[in-house]
């Protein structure tokens, strides 16, 4: 890829395109345009003023968040739903450090971001200059790669490499730190270098080894109790349709990780529900009893596995993942395959694999689904959070893009909202970030403006990034914010009730703002609902509106997420399986 200097830039400077020198900031903008960047999420400051001035002259749509954390979570939502790389800009020092939580979140959940931070001038780096922070050092453990630009002539190459690294292999965040003097320095056409990617040390493997694929086929044909575990790697590979074709061809039952929800239609007859700490009884028992576990794109994290001693104790384990570091890291693997999930599944489909003698196994799992479904106790008064989620599902028919923070509302949404489509579930999985869901919904809505986007949040998490209400009002972004308000930090309170003898230390939040008045202060429609009938009418109206809406849904405070696998326990040792 060669860098093109915008004709307007040269003409504005009074020179010929072939000879006119331009600033690094102008080359920065042109490089983003060459990468096909649709929008930038950011917040200006002193160290990035040259970049913002270039942006003013040659605009790429810019989304002005009200806090850098809001900007990067919005970029995560955009990346997760669009499948494209999210772009973030912030200034040096506190602007950069305010991005750290989002960078770590994107790293844990494999979201492609390119994060640009301003930096103090090269001459004063290391002197504790005003608004200086070593953001390269700070973010090395939480980025896929990072750069600090030393020479303006390296800028096009670095930007191109950053987008390539972020979006290929296992996706992730890449940070590019740009000293202010680099943005101001002159870049001439004579100094442009070729920017084709040449990274000998970075060559991700995407094509599966055929001999290993044949071993998988043989293992499937021998198995009597096979199970597919599908993680987010299937979604990142755009392989949901291929996965559905594979399980329908083989008749193998399937379960999801939290981040893998949406790889299979939520009401598919072979789907057992989510597995893990708050997974369904059928899904968790299937893992405990299977003799073959086929993992497509999941990293075997602790919230999925529970006590590793009891995880899939009778199973031969097949792990297919694009990141070789994940294979064998937590769970011993019998048949490892380093590959893109889509390519691996398509290779298996070509073999026309069939299973024999698993009818008794599938019948057994279906019986468990019927006997031990998700459940809650209906009450005559008030709203249970599970009822609210089911009501949202009813009014959106399972077609909405849904975002959440972390905690009880996240788990209830994962359990009771049945996703009809891939890439419609946006949540903070690995890092578990409060404040993620609302700005992520903004990014998701900007990525898919014709879709209904619902941010389901808790009252605690919403207050961490509620300033982004300004964006809804300013741009009339029609996100529907539904606060499941239990006036506490729900999951913290549940753990304190279960494991700390009901010592509710700093988890109850009886003093709350009036969220409806808050919405009105931002000139956004707001509703408070306290009964099911009230909620049903408001949800129907709000979810069919083409405007932003906030709903303060008051739900029962002392309500727990079940089933639950306690810390240190195996998946077979679930609490709250039966009413």
Protein backbone atom coordinates (compact mmCIF):
# COMPACT_ATOMS: atom_id res chain seq x y z
CA UNK A 1 0.00 0.00 0.00
CA UNK A 2 1.36 3.42 -0.89
CA UNK A 3 0.37 6.54 0.97
CA UNK A 4 -1.64 9.01 -1.06
CA UNK A 5 -1.35 12.69 -0.18
CA UNK A 6 -4.73 14.36 -0.47
CA UNK A 7 -4.77 16.86 -3.34
CA UNK A 8 -6.69 19.36 -1.21
CA UNK A 9 -3.93 19.26 1.38
CA UNK A 10 -1.26 20.15 -1.13
CA UNK A 11 -3.34 22.76 -2.91
CA UNK A 12 -4.28 24.37 0.39
CA UNK A 13 -0.59 24.69 1.14
CA UNK A 14 -0.04 26.28 -2.26
CA UNK A 15 2.08 23.59 -3.86
CA UNK A 16 2.22 20.73 -6.29
CA UNK A 17 1.02 17.33 -5.03
CA UNK A 18 4.23 15.62 -6.07
CA UNK A 19 6.50 18.15 -4.34
CA UNK A 20 4.51 19.69 -1.51
CA UNK A 21 5.55 18.67 2.00
CA UNK A 22 2.79 17.91 4.49
CA UNK A 23 2.72 17.46 8.23
CA UNK A 24 2.75 14.11 9.97
CA UNK A 25 -0.78 14.77 11.22
CA UNK A 26 -2.03 15.04 7.63
CA UNK A 27 -0.32 11.78 6.74
CA UNK A 28 -1.90 10.24 9.83
CA UNK A 29 -5.40 11.12 8.59
CA UNK A 30 -4.65 9.92 5.07
CA UNK A 31 -3.30 6.63 6.42
CA UNK A 32 -6.55 6.06 8.31
CA UNK A 33 -8.51 6.78 5.14
CA UNK A 34 -6.36 4.24 3.28
CA UNK A 35 -7.27 1.68 5.95
CA UNK A 36 -10.98 2.31 5.27
CA UNK A 37 -11.67 3.75 8.72
CA UNK A 38 -15.36 4.66 8.96
CA UNK A 39 -15.28 6.54 12.26
CA UNK A 40 -13.00 7.49 15.11
CA UNK A 41 -13.94 7.44 18.80
CA UNK A 42 -11.98 9.96 20.80
CA UNK A 43 -11.39 12.91 23.05
CA UNK A 44 -8.99 15.76 22.19
CA UNK A 45 -6.16 17.22 24.26
CA UNK A 46 -2.91 19.10 23.93
CA UNK A 47 -0.70 16.31 22.61
CA UNK A 48 -3.12 15.41 19.81
CA UNK A 49 -4.10 18.94 18.74
CA UNK A 50 -2.15 18.66 15.45
CA UNK A 51 -4.11 15.47 14.65
CA UNK A 52 -7.44 17.10 15.50
CA UNK A 53 -6.53 20.10 13.36
CA UNK A 54 -5.82 17.76 10.44
CA UNK A 55 -9.10 15.99 11.19
CA UNK A 56 -10.89 19.35 10.97
CA UNK A 57 -9.43 19.96 7.51
CA UNK A 58 -9.97 16.41 6.18
CA UNK A 59 -12.81 14.97 8.22
CA UNK A 60 -13.32 11.35 9.07
CA UNK A 61 -16.48 11.05 11.19
CA UNK A 62 -15.45 11.53 14.82
CA UNK A 63 -17.50 10.43 17.82
CA UNK A 64 -16.78 12.78 20.72
CA UNK A 65 -17.22 10.74 23.88
CA UNK A 66 -17.51 12.49 27.24
CA UNK A 67 -14.79 10.36 28.80
CA UNK A 68 -11.97 8.35 27.25
CA UNK A 69 -13.31 5.15 28.82
CA UNK A 70 -16.62 5.78 27.07
CA UNK A 71 -14.76 6.23 23.79
CA UNK A 72 -12.88 2.96 23.96
CA UNK A 73 -15.87 0.90 25.12
CA UNK A 74 -17.87 2.39 22.23
CA UNK A 75 -15.07 1.37 19.87
CA UNK A 76 -15.22 -2.15 21.34
CA UNK A 77 -18.97 -2.32 20.67
CA UNK A 78 -18.41 -1.08 17.13
CA UNK A 79 -15.68 -3.67 16.53
CA UNK A 80 -17.66 -6.54 18.04
CA UNK A 81 -20.77 -5.92 15.94
CA UNK A 82 -19.19 -4.76 12.67
CA UNK A 83 -16.24 -7.15 12.61
CA UNK A 84 -14.07 -4.16 11.65
CA UNK A 85 -11.26 -2.57 13.61
CA UNK A 86 -12.32 0.09 16.09
CA UNK A 87 -10.22 3.26 16.20
CA UNK A 88 -9.62 5.38 19.30
CA UNK A 89 -7.68 8.61 19.85
CA UNK A 90 -6.80 10.21 23.18
CA UNK A 91 -4.23 12.66 24.41
CA UNK A 92 -1.16 11.94 26.53
CA UNK A 93 -1.02 11.30 30.26
CA UNK A 94 -4.49 11.01 31.81
CA UNK A 95 -6.15 10.75 28.42
CA UNK A 96 -4.05 7.70 27.63
CA UNK A 97 -4.34 6.12 31.07
CA UNK A 98 -8.12 6.50 30.98
CA UNK A 99 -8.04 4.04 28.07
CA UNK A 100 -6.27 1.29 29.99
CA UNK A 101 -9.39 -0.51 31.22
CA UNK A 102 -10.81 -0.66 27.71
CA UNK A 103 -7.52 -1.86 26.26
CA UNK A 104 -7.35 -4.67 28.82
CA UNK A 105 -10.99 -5.52 28.14
CA UNK A 106 -10.38 -5.73 24.38
CA UNK A 107 -7.31 -7.88 24.94
CA UNK A 108 -9.19 -10.36 27.11
CA UNK A 109 -12.13 -10.59 24.70
CA UNK A 110 -10.08 -10.55 21.45
CA UNK A 111 -11.52 -7.35 19.98
CA UNK A 112 -9.61 -5.60 17.17
CA UNK A 113 -8.74 -2.02 18.13
CA UNK A 114 -6.07 0.42 17.04
CA UNK A 115 -5.56 2.93 19.83
CA UNK A 116 -3.69 6.15 19.11
CA UNK A 117 -2.35 8.15 22.02
CA UNK A 118 -0.68 11.51 21.94
CA UNK A 119 2.64 11.85 23.72
CA UNK A 120 4.76 14.76 24.90
CA UNK A 121 7.46 15.92 22.51
CA UNK A 122 10.32 13.48 21.97
CA UNK A 123 12.85 15.89 23.47
CA UNK A 124 11.16 15.83 26.90
CA UNK A 125 10.11 12.17 27.11
CA UNK A 126 11.43 10.80 30.38
CA UNK A 127 11.58 14.16 32.16
CA UNK A 128 8.17 13.94 33.86
CA UNK A 129 6.89 16.58 31.48
CA UNK A 130 3.36 17.94 31.86
CA UNK A 131 0.85 15.17 31.07
CA UNK A 132 3.54 12.59 30.39
CA UNK A 133 2.92 8.90 31.08
CA UNK A 134 4.79 5.88 29.75
CA UNK A 135 1.74 4.45 28.03
CA UNK A 136 3.88 2.02 26.01
CA UNK A 137 5.26 0.52 29.21
CA UNK A 138 1.88 0.60 30.94
CA UNK A 139 0.11 -1.24 28.13
CA UNK A 140 2.71 -3.80 27.07
CA UNK A 141 1.02 -6.62 29.05
CA UNK A 142 -2.46 -5.74 27.75
CA UNK A 143 -1.87 -5.13 24.05
CA UNK A 144 -1.22 -7.48 21.19
CA UNK A 145 1.55 -5.08 20.16
CA UNK A 146 2.42 -1.43 20.67
CA UNK A 147 4.56 1.22 19.04
CA UNK A 148 6.02 4.61 19.80
CA UNK A 149 6.66 6.58 16.61
CA UNK A 150 10.19 8.00 16.55
CA UNK A 151 10.31 9.23 12.95
CA UNK A 152 7.44 10.78 11.01
CA UNK A 153 8.53 8.83 7.93
CA UNK A 154 7.68 5.57 9.74
CA UNK A 155 4.11 6.66 10.43
CA UNK A 156 2.36 5.14 7.35
CA UNK A 157 4.16 1.82 7.83
CA UNK A 158 3.40 1.65 11.53
CA UNK A 159 -0.27 2.48 11.05
CA UNK A 160 -0.64 -0.16 8.33
CA UNK A 161 1.10 -2.76 10.49
CA UNK A 162 -1.06 -1.83 13.47
CA UNK A 163 -4.28 -2.48 11.56
CA UNK A 164 -2.90 -5.73 10.18
CA UNK A 165 -1.86 -7.02 13.59
CA UNK A 166 -5.09 -5.95 15.30
CA UNK A 167 -7.37 -7.66 12.79
CA UNK A 168 -5.52 -10.87 11.87
CA UNK A 169 -4.87 -14.06 13.79
CA UNK A 170 -6.47 -13.73 17.21
CA UNK A 171 -7.79 -10.15 17.12
CA UNK A 172 -6.71 -7.69 19.76
CA UNK A 173 -5.76 -4.11 20.59
CA UNK A 174 -2.65 -2.42 19.18
CA UNK A 175 -1.46 0.90 20.60
CA UNK A 176 0.42 3.57 18.64
CA UNK A 177 1.95 6.37 20.74
CA UNK A 178 2.68 9.55 18.74
CA UNK A 179 4.83 12.34 20.22
CA UNK A 180 3.46 15.77 19.45
CA UNK A 181 6.53 16.81 17.47
CA UNK A 182 6.05 13.82 15.14
CA UNK A 183 2.54 15.07 14.30
CA UNK A 184 4.02 18.47 13.46
CA UNK A 185 7.06 17.31 11.52
CA UNK A 186 7.20 17.58 7.75
CA UNK A 187 6.70 14.48 5.66
CA UNK A 188 7.59 14.77 1.94
CA UNK A 189 6.61 12.56 -0.96
CA UNK A 190 10.29 11.79 -1.50
CA UNK A 191 10.41 10.23 1.96
CA UNK A 192 7.39 7.93 1.56
CA UNK A 193 8.30 4.29 2.08
CA UNK A 194 6.47 1.22 0.90
CA UNK A 195 4.04 0.05 3.56
CA UNK A 196 3.42 -3.55 2.57
CA UNK A 197 3.40 -5.58 5.75
CA UNK A 198 6.67 -7.41 6.35
CA UNK A 199 6.58 -8.99 9.80
CA UNK A 200 8.56 -12.26 9.73
CA UNK A 201 7.92 -12.83 13.43
CA UNK A 202 4.16 -12.51 13.05
CA UNK A 203 2.71 -15.18 10.77
CA UNK A 204 -0.54 -16.49 12.29
CA UNK A 205 -1.60 -19.97 11.24
CA UNK A 206 -5.11 -20.06 9.83
CA UNK A 207 -5.22 -23.30 7.82
CA UNK A 208 -5.63 -26.51 9.83
CA UNK A 209 -3.29 -29.46 9.50
CA UNK A 210 -5.18 -32.02 7.45
CA UNK A 211 -3.82 -35.01 9.37
CA UNK A 212 -5.12 -33.47 12.59
CA UNK A 213 -8.50 -32.87 10.95
CA UNK A 214 -8.62 -36.54 10.02
CA UNK A 215 -7.88 -37.45 13.65
CA UNK A 216 -10.84 -35.33 14.71
CA UNK A 217 -13.08 -37.11 12.22
CA UNK A 218 -11.96 -40.49 13.51
CA UNK A 219 -12.53 -39.45 17.11
CA UNK A 220 -16.05 -38.26 16.30
CA UNK A 221 -16.93 -41.52 14.57
CA UNK A 222 -15.76 -43.51 17.61
CA UNK A 223 -17.43 -41.34 20.23
CA UNK A 224 -20.70 -42.33 21.92
CA UNK A 225 -21.10 -39.11 23.94
CA UNK A 226 -19.64 -36.28 21.83
CA UNK A 227 -20.16 -32.61 22.71
CA UNK A 228 -19.29 -29.36 20.90
CA UNK A 229 -18.20 -26.35 22.95
CA UNK A 230 -18.36 -23.15 20.87
CA UNK A 231 -16.62 -19.97 21.97
CA UNK A 232 -16.13 -16.47 20.65
CA UNK A 233 -13.52 -17.68 18.18
CA UNK A 234 -16.40 -18.97 16.05
CA UNK A 235 -17.91 -15.49 15.97
CA UNK A 236 -14.62 -13.75 15.20
CA UNK A 237 -14.11 -16.20 12.33
CA UNK A 238 -17.63 -15.52 10.99
CA UNK A 239 -18.27 -19.24 11.22
CA UNK A 240 -21.69 -19.43 12.91
CA UNK A 241 -23.41 -20.81 9.80
CA UNK A 242 -20.62 -23.35 9.33
CA UNK A 243 -20.93 -24.46 12.96
CA UNK A 244 -24.69 -24.90 12.58
CA UNK A 245 -24.12 -26.98 9.45
CA UNK A 246 -21.55 -29.09 11.29
CA UNK A 247 -23.74 -29.93 14.30
CA UNK A 248 -26.72 -30.64 12.06
CA UNK A 249 -24.62 -32.93 9.88
CA UNK A 250 -23.17 -34.81 12.85
CA UNK A 251 -26.18 -34.51 15.23
CA UNK A 252 -23.75 -33.60 18.04
CA UNK A 253 -25.22 -31.48 20.88
CA UNK A 254 -23.65 -28.08 21.46
CA UNK A 255 -23.06 -25.67 24.32
CA UNK A 256 -21.65 -22.15 24.40
CA UNK A 257 -19.28 -20.15 26.52
CA UNK A 258 -20.58 -16.78 27.68
CA UNK A 259 -18.83 -15.00 24.82
CA UNK A 260 -19.83 -17.68 22.33
CA UNK A 261 -23.56 -17.03 22.64
CA UNK A 262 -25.04 -16.41 19.21
CA UNK A 263 -22.95 -19.01 17.41
CA UNK A 264 -26.04 -21.23 17.54
CA UNK A 265 -29.65 -20.07 17.42
CA UNK A 266 -30.83 -19.83 21.01
CA UNK A 267 -33.74 -22.18 20.36
CA UNK A 268 -31.95 -24.75 18.19
CA UNK A 269 -32.99 -28.25 19.34
CA UNK A 270 -29.36 -29.36 19.76
CA UNK A 271 -28.43 -26.34 21.87
CA UNK A 272 -28.03 -27.08 25.58
CA UNK A 273 -27.60 -23.48 26.70
CA UNK A 274 -24.58 -21.75 28.18
CA UNK A 275 -22.03 -23.72 30.20
CA UNK A 276 -19.99 -22.62 33.20
CA UNK A 277 -20.50 -20.97 36.58
CA UNK A 278 -24.06 -19.89 35.75
CA UNK A 279 -24.67 -22.33 32.92
CA UNK A 280 -27.59 -24.69 32.52
CA UNK A 281 -27.70 -28.04 34.26
CA UNK A 282 -27.84 -29.89 30.94
CA UNK A 283 -24.81 -28.06 29.50
CA UNK A 284 -22.65 -28.54 32.58
CA UNK A 285 -23.58 -32.18 33.03
CA UNK A 286 -22.92 -32.81 29.35
CA UNK A 287 -19.35 -31.58 29.87
CA UNK A 288 -18.99 -33.82 32.93
CA UNK A 289 -20.32 -36.92 31.15
CA UNK A 290 -19.11 -36.57 27.54
CA UNK A 291 -16.45 -38.88 26.13
CA UNK A 292 -15.37 -36.40 23.43
CA UNK A 293 -15.24 -32.61 23.86
CA UNK A 294 -14.70 -30.59 20.67
CA UNK A 295 -13.72 -27.03 21.54
CA UNK A 296 -14.05 -24.49 18.74
CA UNK A 297 -12.49 -21.17 19.71
CA UNK A 298 -12.89 -21.10 23.49
CA UNK A 299 -10.04 -20.52 25.92
CA UNK A 300 -11.13 -22.77 28.82
CA UNK A 301 -11.26 -19.92 31.33
CA UNK A 302 -11.97 -20.59 35.00
CA UNK A 303 -15.58 -19.37 34.90
CA UNK A 304 -16.27 -22.03 32.28
CA UNK A 305 -14.32 -24.93 33.75
CA UNK A 306 -14.83 -24.65 37.50
CA UNK A 307 -12.47 -26.97 39.36
CA UNK A 308 -10.20 -28.36 36.63
CA UNK A 309 -9.93 -31.69 38.42
CA UNK A 310 -13.58 -32.33 37.61
CA UNK A 311 -13.71 -30.75 34.16
CA UNK A 312 -14.60 -33.21 31.37
CA UNK A 313 -13.00 -36.05 33.36
CA UNK A 314 -14.01 -38.77 30.91
CA UNK A 315 -13.42 -36.91 27.66
CA UNK A 316 -10.89 -36.94 24.92
CA UNK A 317 -10.32 -33.20 24.31
CA UNK A 318 -10.03 -31.60 20.89
CA UNK A 319 -9.07 -27.92 20.98
CA UNK A 320 -9.24 -25.85 17.81
CA UNK A 321 -7.96 -22.29 18.30
CA UNK A 322 -6.15 -19.70 16.24
CA UNK A 323 -3.98 -18.81 19.24
CA UNK A 324 -1.50 -21.63 19.93
CA UNK A 325 -0.84 -20.21 23.41
CA UNK A 326 -4.36 -21.19 24.49
CA UNK A 327 -4.09 -24.85 23.54
CA UNK A 328 -3.08 -26.93 26.52
CA UNK A 329 -2.78 -23.84 28.74
CA UNK A 330 -5.57 -24.80 31.16
CA UNK A 331 -6.94 -28.15 29.98
CA UNK A 332 -4.74 -30.97 28.61
CA UNK A 333 -5.49 -31.44 24.91
CA UNK A 334 -5.45 -34.76 23.06
CA UNK A 335 -5.89 -33.41 19.53
CA UNK A 336 -4.62 -29.82 19.12
CA UNK A 337 -5.37 -27.84 15.97
CA UNK A 338 -4.04 -24.32 15.44
CA UNK A 339 -6.34 -22.76 12.87
CA UNK A 340 -9.05 -20.28 12.10
CA UNK A 341 -12.34 -21.76 13.32
CA UNK A 342 -14.08 -21.24 9.99
CA UNK A 343 -11.37 -23.02 8.03
CA UNK A 344 -11.30 -25.89 10.52
CA UNK A 345 -15.07 -26.39 10.50
CA UNK A 346 -15.22 -26.21 6.71
CA UNK A 347 -12.45 -28.81 6.49
CA UNK A 348 -14.48 -31.09 8.76
CA UNK A 349 -17.65 -30.50 6.75
CA UNK A 350 -15.90 -31.60 3.57
CA UNK A 351 -15.24 -34.99 5.15
CA UNK A 352 -18.98 -35.62 5.51
CA UNK A 353 -18.61 -36.95 9.05
CA UNK A 354 -21.54 -38.85 10.52
CA UNK A 355 -22.10 -40.25 14.00
CA UNK A 356 -23.56 -43.58 15.02
CA UNK A 357 -24.99 -44.75 18.31
CA UNK A 358 -25.33 -41.35 19.98
CA UNK A 359 -29.13 -41.35 20.08
CA UNK A 360 -29.20 -42.54 23.69
CA UNK A 361 -26.79 -39.74 24.62
CA UNK A 362 -28.84 -37.00 22.96
CA UNK A 363 -32.05 -38.38 24.46
CA UNK A 364 -30.41 -38.31 27.91
CA UNK A 365 -29.39 -34.66 27.47
CA UNK A 366 -32.85 -33.71 26.23
CA UNK A 367 -34.36 -35.31 29.32
CA UNK A 368 -32.07 -33.19 31.50
CA UNK A 369 -33.13 -30.08 29.60
CA UNK A 370 -36.76 -30.90 30.32
CA UNK A 371 -36.26 -31.93 33.95
CA UNK A 372 -33.87 -29.18 35.01
CA UNK A 373 -34.71 -26.01 33.08
CA UNK A 374 -33.77 -22.51 34.14
CA UNK A 375 -36.31 -21.40 36.69
CA UNK A 376 -37.42 -18.63 39.00
CA UNK A 377 -40.26 -18.19 41.45
CA UNK A 378 -43.05 -15.95 40.19
CA UNK A 379 -44.24 -13.30 42.59
CA UNK A 380 -47.50 -11.40 42.61
CA UNK A 381 -45.95 -7.99 43.16
CA UNK A 382 -42.96 -6.23 41.67
CA UNK A 383 -40.67 -7.32 38.86
CA UNK A 384 -38.16 -10.13 38.90
CA UNK A 385 -35.08 -9.43 36.74
CA UNK A 386 -35.58 -12.71 34.87
CA UNK A 387 -39.10 -11.59 33.94
CA UNK A 388 -37.73 -8.30 32.64
CA UNK A 389 -35.24 -10.10 30.38
CA UNK A 390 -37.94 -12.41 29.04
CA UNK A 391 -40.11 -9.38 28.35
CA UNK A 392 -37.29 -7.68 26.43
CA UNK A 393 -36.87 -10.87 24.41
CA UNK A 394 -40.59 -10.99 23.69
CA UNK A 395 -40.75 -7.42 22.39
CA UNK A 396 -37.57 -7.72 20.30
CA UNK A 397 -38.32 -11.29 19.16
CA UNK A 398 -34.71 -12.22 19.87
CA UNK A 399 -33.45 -10.00 17.06
CA UNK A 400 -31.94 -7.10 19.03
CA UNK A 401 -28.27 -6.38 19.55
CA UNK A 402 -27.90 -6.62 23.33
CA UNK A 403 -25.06 -5.23 25.41
CA UNK A 404 -24.36 -5.63 29.13
CA UNK A 405 -21.84 -4.80 31.82
CA UNK A 406 -20.82 -7.54 34.25
CA UNK A 407 -22.75 -9.13 37.10
CA UNK A 408 -26.23 -10.45 37.76
CA UNK A 409 -27.92 -8.60 34.91
CA UNK A 410 -25.28 -10.00 32.54
CA UNK A 411 -25.90 -13.58 33.65
CA UNK A 412 -29.69 -13.26 33.55
CA UNK A 413 -29.43 -11.84 30.04
CA UNK A 414 -27.16 -14.69 28.95
CA UNK A 415 -29.62 -17.20 30.41
CA UNK A 416 -32.98 -15.78 29.36
CA UNK A 417 -32.38 -13.84 26.14
CA UNK A 418 -32.33 -16.29 23.24
CA UNK A 419 -30.18 -14.87 20.44
CA UNK A 420 -31.35 -15.46 16.89
CA UNK A 421 -28.23 -14.09 15.19
CA UNK A 422 -24.46 -14.07 15.59
CA UNK A 423 -22.74 -10.81 16.56
CA UNK A 424 -25.79 -9.58 18.48
CA UNK A 425 -24.33 -10.22 21.95
CA UNK A 426 -21.85 -7.66 23.27
CA UNK A 427 -20.61 -8.13 26.81
CA UNK A 428 -17.47 -7.80 28.90
CA UNK A 429 -16.44 -11.40 29.46
CA UNK A 430 -12.81 -11.84 30.44
CA UNK A 431 -12.21 -8.60 32.31
CA UNK A 432 -15.76 -8.16 33.60
CA UNK A 433 -15.92 -4.39 33.27
CA UNK A 434 -18.59 -2.33 35.00
CA UNK A 435 -19.56 0.61 32.81
CA UNK A 436 -18.92 -1.29 29.57
CA UNK A 437 -22.45 -1.98 28.37
CA UNK A 438 -23.86 1.49 27.75
CA UNK A 439 -21.02 3.00 25.66
CA UNK A 440 -20.59 -0.35 23.90
CA UNK A 441 -24.23 -0.07 22.84
CA UNK A 442 -23.49 3.32 21.30
CA UNK A 443 -20.68 1.83 19.22
CA UNK A 444 -22.88 -1.11 18.24
CA UNK A 445 -25.69 1.22 17.15
CA UNK A 446 -23.30 3.30 15.06
CA UNK A 447 -22.03 0.11 13.43
CA UNK A 448 -25.56 -1.13 12.69
CA UNK A 449 -27.83 1.93 12.57
CA UNK A 450 -30.87 -0.01 11.35
CA UNK A 451 -30.80 -2.57 14.17
CA UNK A 452 -32.50 -2.30 17.55
CA UNK A 453 -29.77 -1.97 20.20
CA UNK A 454 -30.56 -2.52 23.87
CA UNK A 455 -28.13 -1.76 26.68
CA UNK A 456 -29.10 -3.83 29.71
CA UNK A 457 -27.19 -2.49 32.70
CA UNK A 458 -27.17 -2.51 36.46
CA UNK A 459 -27.67 0.65 38.46
CA UNK A 460 -24.06 0.44 39.69
CA UNK A 461 -22.38 0.00 36.32
CA UNK A 462 -24.56 2.56 34.56
CA UNK A 463 -23.36 5.28 36.92
CA UNK A 464 -19.76 4.65 35.82
CA UNK A 465 -20.28 5.83 32.22
CA UNK A 466 -23.66 7.59 32.27
CA UNK A 467 -22.06 10.80 30.96
CA UNK A 468 -22.31 9.24 27.49
CA UNK A 469 -26.01 10.13 27.57
CA UNK A 470 -24.76 13.33 25.94
CA UNK A 471 -23.92 11.33 22.83
CA UNK A 472 -27.42 9.87 22.60
CA UNK A 473 -29.01 13.29 22.75
CA UNK A 474 -26.46 15.07 20.56
CA UNK A 475 -26.60 12.58 17.69
CA UNK A 476 -30.02 11.06 18.42
CA UNK A 477 -28.53 7.58 18.62
CA UNK A 478 -31.58 5.40 19.31
CA UNK A 479 -30.05 3.12 21.96
CA UNK A 480 -32.54 1.75 24.50
CA UNK A 481 -31.01 1.81 27.99
CA UNK A 482 -32.73 -0.54 30.44
CA UNK A 483 -31.43 -0.34 34.00
CA UNK A 484 -32.23 -3.41 36.08
CA UNK A 485 -32.24 -1.38 39.26
CA UNK A 486 -31.96 -3.48 42.41
CA UNK A 487 -30.28 -0.70 44.41
CA UNK A 488 -27.18 -2.78 45.05
CA UNK A 489 -24.11 -4.30 43.48
CA UNK A 490 -26.05 -7.45 42.72
CA UNK A 491 -23.36 -10.07 42.20
CA UNK A 492 -21.27 -8.75 45.09
CA UNK A 493 -24.37 -8.89 47.30
CA UNK A 494 -25.14 -12.45 46.12
CA UNK A 495 -21.64 -13.64 47.00
CA UNK A 496 -21.84 -11.91 50.37
CA UNK A 497 -25.17 -13.63 51.04
CA UNK A 498 -23.90 -17.04 49.94
CA UNK A 499 -20.33 -17.08 51.20
CA UNK A 500 -20.06 -14.29 53.80
CA UNK A 501 -23.08 -15.00 56.02
CA UNK A 502 -25.07 -12.04 54.64
CA UNK A 503 -22.54 -9.44 55.68
CA UNK A 504 -23.43 -6.88 53.02
CA UNK A 505 -20.30 -4.79 53.25
CA UNK A 506 -20.62 -1.76 50.95
CA UNK A 507 -22.74 -3.56 48.36
CA UNK A 508 -26.14 -1.97 49.06
CA UNK A 509 -26.87 1.34 47.35
CA UNK A 510 -30.15 2.71 48.73
CA UNK A 511 -29.34 6.28 47.71
CA UNK A 512 -29.87 6.48 43.96
CA UNK A 513 -30.28 9.35 41.54
CA UNK A 514 -33.62 9.80 39.85
CA UNK A 515 -32.65 8.19 36.56
CA UNK A 516 -35.76 9.51 34.80
CA UNK A 517 -34.92 13.10 35.73
CA UNK A 518 -31.35 12.40 34.68
CA UNK A 519 -32.55 11.29 31.26
CA UNK A 520 -34.76 14.37 31.00
CA UNK A 521 -31.78 16.56 31.87
CA UNK A 522 -30.17 15.19 28.70
CA UNK A 523 -33.44 15.69 26.79
CA UNK A 524 -33.99 11.92 26.50
CA UNK A 525 -37.23 10.08 27.15
CA UNK A 526 -37.19 8.40 30.54
CA UNK A 527 -39.55 5.95 32.27
CA UNK A 528 -39.67 4.33 35.68
CA UNK A 529 -41.47 0.98 35.96
CA UNK A 530 -42.26 -0.94 39.13
CA UNK A 531 -44.81 -3.56 38.01
CA UNK A 532 -45.00 -6.15 35.24
CA UNK A 533 -47.99 -4.57 33.53
CA UNK A 534 -46.31 -1.19 33.61
CA UNK A 535 -43.08 -2.68 32.29
CA UNK A 536 -44.81 -4.54 29.46
CA UNK A 537 -46.45 -1.38 28.12
CA UNK A 538 -43.32 0.75 28.46
CA UNK A 539 -41.03 -1.87 26.91
CA UNK A 540 -43.35 -2.26 23.92
CA UNK A 541 -43.40 1.49 23.34
CA UNK A 542 -39.69 2.07 23.95
CA UNK A 543 -38.35 -0.87 21.99
CA UNK A 544 -40.33 0.15 18.93
CA UNK A 545 -39.26 3.78 19.14
CA UNK A 546 -36.72 5.33 16.78
CA UNK A 547 -35.39 7.58 19.54
CA UNK A 548 -33.08 7.02 22.50
CA UNK A 549 -34.94 5.90 25.63
CA UNK A 550 -33.95 5.20 29.24
CA UNK A 551 -35.98 2.88 31.46
CA UNK A 552 -35.43 2.62 35.20
CA UNK A 553 -36.78 -0.88 35.83
CA UNK A 554 -37.06 -1.47 39.57
CA UNK A 555 -36.48 -5.15 40.27
CA UNK A 556 -36.37 -7.30 43.40
CA UNK A 557 -33.18 -6.72 45.37
CA UNK A 558 -32.68 -10.09 47.07
CA UNK A 559 -32.74 -12.28 43.97
CA UNK A 560 -29.89 -14.60 42.99
CA UNK A 561 -28.58 -15.99 39.72
CA UNK A 562 -29.00 -19.75 39.63
CA UNK A 563 -27.73 -22.31 38.82
CA UNK A 564 -24.36 -21.43 40.32
CA UNK A 565 -21.09 -23.30 40.64
CA UNK A 566 -19.34 -22.15 43.81
CA UNK A 567 -15.63 -21.32 43.71
CA UNK A 568 -13.48 -24.44 43.91
CA UNK A 569 -16.34 -26.74 42.91
CA UNK A 570 -16.80 -28.83 39.79
CA UNK A 571 -19.48 -28.23 37.18
CA UNK A 572 -21.47 -31.15 38.58
CA UNK A 573 -21.76 -29.44 41.98
CA UNK A 574 -24.29 -26.75 41.06
CA UNK A 575 -26.36 -24.78 43.55
CA UNK A 576 -29.98 -23.89 42.86
CA UNK A 577 -30.65 -26.48 40.18
CA UNK A 578 -34.19 -27.12 41.40
CA UNK A 579 -36.70 -24.62 42.79
